[in-house]
Amino acid sequence: MMSKVAVKKTGHEDIDTLLEKAYDLLEEGERLQENISVSLKFKPISPSTSRQARLKRFKKFSSKINS
């Protein structure tokens, strides 16, 4: 990944690369934080609960058709 932040060069190549990597990790952390906040907006549904709800709707629908 390439950092969007302009890093001031220190003159030491190893320190400069570490600073660039640190900024890249900070950007990745911000993206992960956004993804986590988006995923927390959705409530997980239990498969068994979902199946039971479908069965109730099907029984209600089929009873109307058969009547």
PDB file of N, CA and C in Angstrom:
ATOM      1  N   MET A   1       0.838  -1.180   0.000  1.00  0.00           N
ATOM      2  CA  MET A   1       0.000   0.000   0.000  1.00  0.00           C
ATOM      3  C   MET A   1       0.879   1.238   0.000  1.00  0.00           C
ATOM      4  N   MET A   2       0.379   2.243  -0.642  1.00  0.00           N
ATOM      5  CA  MET A   2       1.118   3.489  -0.679  1.00  0.00           C
ATOM      6  C   MET A   2       0.426   4.503   0.216  1.00  0.00           C
ATOM      7  N   SER A   3       1.205   5.118   1.069  1.00  0.00           N
ATOM      8  CA  SER A   3       0.660   6.088   2.014  1.00  0.00           C
ATOM      9  C   SER A   3       0.313   7.385   1.291  1.00  0.00           C
ATOM     10  N   LYS A   4      -0.823   7.979   1.649  1.00  0.00           N
ATOM     11  CA  LYS A   4      -1.241   9.250   1.069  1.00  0.00           C
ATOM     12  C   LYS A   4      -0.619  10.419   1.817  1.00  0.00           C
ATOM     13  N   VAL A   5      -0.061  10.152   2.991  1.00  0.00           N
ATOM     14  CA  VAL A   5       0.534  11.195   3.814  1.00  0.00           C
ATOM     15  C   VAL A   5       1.982  11.399   3.374  1.00  0.00           C
ATOM     16  N   ALA A   6       2.361  12.651   3.184  1.00  0.00           N
ATOM     17  CA  ALA A   6       3.739  12.958   2.828  1.00  0.00           C
ATOM     18  C   ALA A   6       4.586  12.880   4.094  1.00  0.00           C
ATOM     19  N   VAL A   7       5.492  11.919   4.112  1.00  0.00           N
ATOM     20  CA  VAL A   7       6.341  11.703   5.281  1.00  0.00           C
ATOM     21  C   VAL A   7       7.622  12.499   5.100  1.00  0.00           C
ATOM     22  N   LYS A   8       7.972  13.251   6.122  1.00  0.00           N
ATOM     23  CA  LYS A   8       9.207  14.027   6.075  1.00  0.00           C
ATOM     24  C   LYS A   8      10.382  13.061   6.184  1.00  0.00           C
ATOM     25  N   LYS A   9      11.290  13.159   5.246  1.00  0.00           N
ATOM     26  CA  LYS A   9      12.443  12.260   5.212  1.00  0.00           C
ATOM     27  C   LYS A   9      13.431  12.634   6.317  1.00  0.00           C
ATOM     28  N   THR A  10      13.911  11.603   7.005  1.00  0.00           N
ATOM     29  CA  THR A  10      14.844  11.828   8.105  1.00  0.00           C
ATOM     30  C   THR A  10      16.294  11.706   7.667  1.00  0.00           C
ATOM     31  N   GLY A  11      16.502  11.122   6.500  1.00  0.00           N
ATOM     32  CA  GLY A  11      17.866  10.898   6.051  1.00  0.00           C
ATOM     33  C   GLY A  11      18.316   9.474   6.304  1.00  0.00           C
ATOM     34  N   HIS A  12      17.588   8.758   7.139  1.00  0.00           N
ATOM     35  CA  HIS A  12      17.879   7.355   7.405  1.00  0.00           C
ATOM     36  C   HIS A  12      16.823   6.524   6.689  1.00  0.00           C
ATOM     37  N   GLU A  13      17.286   5.689   5.774  1.00  0.00           N
ATOM     38  CA  GLU A  13      16.363   4.941   4.921  1.00  0.00           C
ATOM     39  C   GLU A  13      15.481   3.984   5.712  1.00  0.00           C
ATOM     40  N   ASP A  14      16.052   3.315   6.709  1.00  0.00           N
ATOM     41  CA  ASP A  14      15.263   2.351   7.478  1.00  0.00           C
ATOM     42  C   ASP A  14      14.172   3.040   8.302  1.00  0.00           C
ATOM     43  N   ILE A  15      14.475   4.197   8.856  1.00  0.00           N
ATOM     44  CA  ILE A  15      13.480   4.939   9.634  1.00  0.00           C
ATOM     45  C   ILE A  15      12.381   5.467   8.712  1.00  0.00           C
ATOM     46  N   ASP A  16      12.773   5.927   7.522  1.00  0.00           N
ATOM     47  CA  ASP A  16      11.786   6.428   6.566  1.00  0.00           C
ATOM     48  C   ASP A  16      10.808   5.331   6.153  1.00  0.00           C
ATOM     49  N   THR A  17      11.309   4.138   5.890  1.00  0.00           N
ATOM     50  CA  THR A  17      10.418   3.042   5.489  1.00  0.00           C
ATOM     51  C   THR A  17       9.510   2.633   6.644  1.00  0.00           C
ATOM     52  N   LEU A  18      10.041   2.648   7.866  1.00  0.00           N
ATOM     53  CA  LEU A  18       9.202   2.317   9.020  1.00  0.00           C
ATOM     54  C   LEU A  18       8.098   3.348   9.224  1.00  0.00           C
ATOM     55  N   LEU A  19       8.410   4.616   9.014  1.00  0.00           N
ATOM     56  CA  LEU A  19       7.392   5.660   9.128  1.00  0.00           C
ATOM     57  C   LEU A  19       6.301   5.487   8.071  1.00  0.00           C
ATOM     58  N   GLU A  20       6.713   5.163   6.843  1.00  0.00           N
ATOM     59  CA  GLU A  20       5.732   4.941   5.779  1.00  0.00           C
ATOM     60  C   GLU A  20       4.841   3.749   6.111  1.00  0.00           C
ATOM     61  N   LYS A  21       5.447   2.683   6.621  1.00  0.00           N
ATOM     62  CA  LYS A  21       4.665   1.500   6.996  1.00  0.00           C
ATOM     63  C   LYS A  21       3.713   1.820   8.146  1.00  0.00           C
ATOM     64  N   ALA A  22       4.164   2.652   9.074  1.00  0.00           N
ATOM     65  CA  ALA A  22       3.304   3.030  10.199  1.00  0.00           C
ATOM     66  C   ALA A  22       2.085   3.806   9.709  1.00  0.00           C
ATOM     67  N   TYR A  23       2.290   4.735   8.783  1.00  0.00           N
ATOM     68  CA  TYR A  23       1.158   5.480   8.233  1.00  0.00           C
ATOM     69  C   TYR A  23       0.217   4.562   7.455  1.00  0.00           C
ATOM     70  N   ASP A  24       0.792   3.596   6.725  1.00  0.00           N
ATOM     71  CA  ASP A  24      -0.044   2.626   6.010  1.00  0.00           C
ATOM     72  C   ASP A  24      -0.891   1.819   6.987  1.00  0.00           C
ATOM     73  N   LEU A  25      -0.292   1.399   8.089  1.00  0.00           N
ATOM     74  CA  LEU A  25      -1.039   0.632   9.087  1.00  0.00           C
ATOM     75  C   LEU A  25      -2.129   1.476   9.738  1.00  0.00           C
ATOM     76  N   LEU A  26      -1.849   2.745   9.966  1.00  0.00           N
ATOM     77  CA  LEU A  26      -2.874   3.635  10.517  1.00  0.00           C
ATOM     78  C   LEU A  26      -4.059   3.777   9.562  1.00  0.00           C
ATOM     79  N   GLU A  27      -3.772   3.916   8.265  1.00  0.00           N
ATOM     80  CA  GLU A  27      -4.846   4.010   7.276  1.00  0.00           C
ATOM     81  C   GLU A  27      -5.653   2.721   7.228  1.00  0.00           C
ATOM     82  N   GLU A  28      -4.966   1.588   7.280  1.00  0.00           N
ATOM     83  CA  GLU A  28      -5.659   0.301   7.273  1.00  0.00           C
ATOM     84  C   GLU A  28      -6.532   0.153   8.519  1.00  0.00           C
ATOM     85  N   GLY A  29      -6.031   0.612   9.653  1.00  0.00           N
ATOM     86  CA  GLY A  29      -6.806   0.569  10.886  1.00  0.00           C
ATOM     87  C   GLY A  29      -8.067   1.413  10.796  1.00  0.00           C
ATOM     88  N   GLU A  30      -7.955   2.573  10.172  1.00  0.00           N
ATOM     89  CA  GLU A  30      -9.131   3.432   9.998  1.00  0.00           C
ATOM     90  C   GLU A  30     -10.165   2.760   9.100  1.00  0.00           C
ATOM     91  N   ARG A  31      -9.699   2.114   8.025  1.00  0.00           N
ATOM     92  CA  ARG A  31     -10.631   1.405   7.136  1.00  0.00           C
ATOM     93  C   ARG A  31     -11.293   0.250   7.868  1.00  0.00           C
ATOM     94  N   LEU A  32     -10.533  -0.484   8.663  1.00  0.00           N
ATOM     95  CA  LEU A  32     -11.108  -1.588   9.428  1.00  0.00           C
ATOM     96  C   LEU A  32     -12.129  -1.076  10.432  1.00  0.00           C
ATOM     97  N   GLN A  33     -11.838   0.051  11.058  1.00  0.00           N
ATOM     98  CA  GLN A  33     -12.777   0.648  12.013  1.00  0.00           C
ATOM     99  C   GLN A  33     -14.085   1.004  11.323  1.00  0.00           C
ATOM    100  N   GLU A  34     -13.999   1.562  10.111  1.00  0.00           N
ATOM    101  CA  GLU A  34     -15.207   1.892   9.356  1.00  0.00           C
ATOM    102  C   GLU A  34     -15.983   0.629   9.007  1.00  0.00           C
ATOM    103  N   ASN A  35     -15.275  -0.426   8.580  1.00  0.00           N
ATOM    104  CA  ASN A  35     -15.938  -1.685   8.238  1.00  0.00           C
ATOM    105  C   ASN A  35     -16.622  -2.293   9.452  1.00  0.00           C
ATOM    106  N   ILE A  36     -15.983  -2.209  10.592  1.00  0.00           N
ATOM    107  CA  ILE A  36     -16.573  -2.757  11.819  1.00  0.00           C
ATOM    108  C   ILE A  36     -17.828  -1.982  12.189  1.00  0.00           C
ATOM    109  N   SER A  37     -17.764  -0.661  12.097  1.00  0.00           N
ATOM    110  CA  SER A  37     -18.942   0.135  12.456  1.00  0.00           C
ATOM    111  C   SER A  37     -20.098  -0.137  11.502  1.00  0.00           C
ATOM    112  N   VAL A  38     -19.805  -0.373  10.227  1.00  0.00           N
ATOM    113  CA  VAL A  38     -20.864  -0.705   9.269  1.00  0.00           C
ATOM    114  C   VAL A  38     -21.442  -2.080   9.575  1.00  0.00           C
ATOM    115  N   SER A  39     -20.589  -3.042   9.889  1.00  0.00           N
ATOM    116  CA  SER A  39     -21.082  -4.399  10.144  1.00  0.00           C
ATOM    117  C   SER A  39     -21.862  -4.490  11.453  1.00  0.00           C
ATOM    118  N   LEU A  40     -21.611  -3.600  12.396  1.00  0.00           N
ATOM    119  CA  LEU A  40     -22.357  -3.615  13.652  1.00  0.00           C
ATOM    120  C   LEU A  40     -23.785  -3.100  13.491  1.00  0.00           C
ATOM    121  N   LYS A  41     -24.061  -2.455  12.373  1.00  0.00           N
ATOM    122  CA  LYS A  41     -25.409  -1.946  12.137  1.00  0.00           C
ATOM    123  C   LYS A  41     -26.390  -3.071  11.811  1.00  0.00           C
ATOM    124  N   PHE A  42     -25.883  -4.221  11.369  1.00  0.00           N
ATOM    125  CA  PHE A  42     -26.730  -5.326  10.968  1.00  0.00           C
ATOM    126  C   PHE A  42     -26.821  -6.350  12.083  1.00  0.00           C
ATOM    127  N   LYS A  43     -28.033  -6.787  12.364  1.00  0.00           N
ATOM    128  CA  LYS A  43     -28.254  -7.772  13.414  1.00  0.00           C
ATOM    129  C   LYS A  43     -28.178  -9.170  12.798  1.00  0.00           C
ATOM    130  N   PRO A  44     -27.347 -10.051  13.336  1.00  0.00           N
ATOM    131  CA  PRO A  44     -27.281 -11.405  12.794  1.00  0.00           C
ATOM    132  C   PRO A  44     -28.570 -12.168  13.087  1.00  0.00           C
ATOM    133  N   ILE A  45     -28.961 -13.013  12.146  1.00  0.00           N
ATOM    134  CA  ILE A  45     -30.187 -13.788  12.285  1.00  0.00           C
ATOM    135  C   ILE A  45     -29.814 -15.249  12.473  1.00  0.00           C
ATOM    136  N   SER A  46     -30.414 -15.858  13.457  1.00  0.00           N
ATOM    137  CA  SER A  46     -30.190 -17.275  13.700  1.00  0.00           C
ATOM    138  C   SER A  46     -30.862 -18.080  12.591  1.00  0.00           C
ATOM    139  N   PRO A  47     -30.198 -19.086  12.036  1.00  0.00           N
ATOM    140  CA  PRO A  47     -30.815 -19.895  10.982  1.00  0.00           C
ATOM    141  C   PRO A  47     -32.089 -20.593  11.445  1.00  0.00           C
ATOM    142  N   SER A  48     -32.131 -21.051  12.680  1.00  0.00           N
ATOM    143  CA  SER A  48     -33.330 -21.742  13.154  1.00  0.00           C
ATOM    144  C   SER A  48     -34.486 -20.763  13.312  1.00  0.00           C
ATOM    145  N   THR A  49     -34.212 -19.563  13.769  1.00  0.00           N
ATOM    146  CA  THR A  49     -35.259 -18.548  13.906  1.00  0.00           C
ATOM    147  C   THR A  49     -35.799 -18.171  12.536  1.00  0.00           C
ATOM    148  N   SER A  50     -34.915 -18.016  11.590  1.00  0.00           N
ATOM    149  CA  SER A  50     -35.323 -17.667  10.242  1.00  0.00           C
ATOM    150  C   SER A  50     -36.192 -18.769   9.650  1.00  0.00           C
ATOM    151  N   ARG A  51     -35.829 -20.022   9.875  1.00  0.00           N
ATOM    152  CA  ARG A  51     -36.592 -21.163   9.358  1.00  0.00           C
ATOM    153  C   ARG A  51     -37.981 -21.196   9.989  1.00  0.00           C
ATOM    154  N   GLN A  52     -38.054 -20.971  11.285  1.00  0.00           N
ATOM    155  CA  GLN A  52     -39.344 -20.981  11.974  1.00  0.00           C
ATOM    156  C   GLN A  52     -40.250 -19.871  11.449  1.00  0.00           C
ATOM    157  N   ALA A  53     -39.692 -18.717  11.196  1.00  0.00           N
ATOM    158  CA  ALA A  53     -40.485 -17.607  10.673  1.00  0.00           C
ATOM    159  C   ALA A  53     -41.006 -17.942   9.278  1.00  0.00           C
ATOM    160  N   ARG A  54     -40.174 -18.567   8.449  1.00  0.00           N
ATOM    161  CA  ARG A  54     -40.625 -18.956   7.110  1.00  0.00           C
ATOM    162  C   ARG A  54     -41.744 -19.979   7.190  1.00  0.00           C
ATOM    163  N   LEU A  55     -41.618 -20.945   8.106  1.00  0.00           N
ATOM    164  CA  LEU A  55     -42.658 -21.962   8.259  1.00  0.00           C
ATOM    165  C   LEU A  55     -43.980 -21.336   8.687  1.00  0.00           C
ATOM    166  N   LYS A  56     -43.931 -20.374   9.600  1.00  0.00           N
ATOM    167  CA  LYS A  56     -45.152 -19.699  10.038  1.00  0.00           C
ATOM    168  C   LYS A  56     -45.820 -18.983   8.864  1.00  0.00           C
ATOM    169  N   ARG A  57     -45.014 -18.266   8.074  1.00  0.00           N
ATOM    170  CA  ARG A  57     -45.577 -17.570   6.924  1.00  0.00           C
ATOM    171  C   ARG A  57     -46.148 -18.555   5.918  1.00  0.00           C
ATOM    172  N   PHE A  58     -45.459 -19.682   5.692  1.00  0.00           N
ATOM    173  CA  PHE A  58     -45.931 -20.682   4.741  1.00  0.00           C
ATOM    174  C   PHE A  58     -47.246 -21.297   5.212  1.00  0.00           C
ATOM    175  N   LYS A  59     -47.315 -21.629   6.496  1.00  0.00           N
ATOM    176  CA  LYS A  59     -48.549 -22.223   7.024  1.00  0.00           C
ATOM    177  C   LYS A  59     -49.710 -21.242   6.920  1.00  0.00           C
ATOM    178  N   LYS A  60     -49.434 -19.975   7.200  1.00  0.00           N
ATOM    179  CA  LYS A  60     -50.474 -18.953   7.105  1.00  0.00           C
ATOM    180  C   LYS A  60     -50.941 -18.815   5.658  1.00  0.00           C
ATOM    181  N   PHE A  61     -49.996 -18.794   4.743  1.00  0.00           N
ATOM    182  CA  PHE A  61     -50.305 -18.658   3.325  1.00  0.00           C
ATOM    183  C   PHE A  61     -51.054 -19.881   2.806  1.00  0.00           C
ATOM    184  N   SER A  62     -50.588 -21.078   3.172  1.00  0.00           N
ATOM    185  CA  SER A  62     -51.224 -22.298   2.674  1.00  0.00           C
ATOM    186  C   SER A  62     -52.622 -22.473   3.261  1.00  0.00           C
ATOM    187  N   SER A  63     -52.839 -22.006   4.480  1.00  0.00           N
ATOM    188  CA  SER A  63     -54.181 -22.116   5.058  1.00  0.00           C
ATOM    189  C   SER A  63     -55.159 -21.190   4.335  1.00  0.00           C
ATOM    190  N   LYS A  64     -54.685 -20.046   3.858  1.00  0.00           N
ATOM    191  CA  LYS A  64     -55.544 -19.135   3.100  1.00  0.00           C
ATOM    192  C   LYS A  64     -55.893 -19.733   1.740  1.00  0.00           C
ATOM    193  N   ILE A  65     -54.934 -20.404   1.120  1.00  0.00           N
ATOM    194  CA  ILE A  65     -55.164 -21.003  -0.193  1.00  0.00           C
ATOM    195  C   ILE A  65     -56.129 -22.184  -0.076  1.00  0.00           C
ATOM    196  N   ASN A  66     -55.951 -23.015   0.926  1.00  0.00           N
ATOM    197  CA  ASN A  66     -56.766 -24.216   1.093  1.00  0.00           C
ATOM    198  C   ASN A  66     -58.174 -23.902   1.584  1.00  0.00           C
ATOM    199  N   SER A  67     -58.402 -22.729   2.112  1.00  0.00           N
ATOM    200  CA  SER A  67     -59.732 -22.384   2.651  1.00  0.00           C
ATOM    201  C   SER A  67     -60.711 -22.039   1.566  1.00  0.00           C
TER     202      SER A  67
END
